[in-house]
Amino acid sequence: GSTLDEVIEQQLHNGPYGRCVFRCDNNVVDNQVVTMEMASGVTVSLAMETFTLDDRRETHIRMTHGEIEGDERTLRIRKFRGGEEQIIDFRELAGTPFHAGADLNLIGDFVEAISRRGGHRFRTTIEESVESHRICFEAEHSRHTGKTLLLE
């Protein structure tokens, strides 16, 4: 095809993009729970579930003195004592493409850092990025082997 629509149509019919994910030869996880205990004794649980009514990401952080709940629209911060609650509304960003603009922020941050030649600091360090990716790779390894892993 010569137009973008024709190329997309051709790829959907002949390429891997038009195949049903459940009939493909992959072993991509469709749900997973990862539980971690940090050196401080704090327990972290991450649940990834494919099948949801609203097809959105939700985050629940529960702590000793309060909790944070969020989705792609709002962030709710609650303190247990006194019942104080703060709601931050992100609905205006929810319609923004590329993960509500987060992907574009990553690119902008990178461009800013390289254009200033050391005068701009990334929002996260390379060490933090490597560590978060390492945790993901180890969770995947644990899923495949069924073994509990100890990360040093």
Foldseek 3Di string as FASTA:
>chain_A
DPDPVVVVVCCLVPNPPVDDPVPDPDDDDQWDWDWDQDPVRDIDIDIHHNDDPVRWDWDWADDDFWIWIDILFKIWTFGPPPGDIDIDGDNVQSPPPDSSCVVVVQVVLVVVCVVVPNPGDRPDDPVVVVVVVVVVVVSVVCVVVVDDDDDD
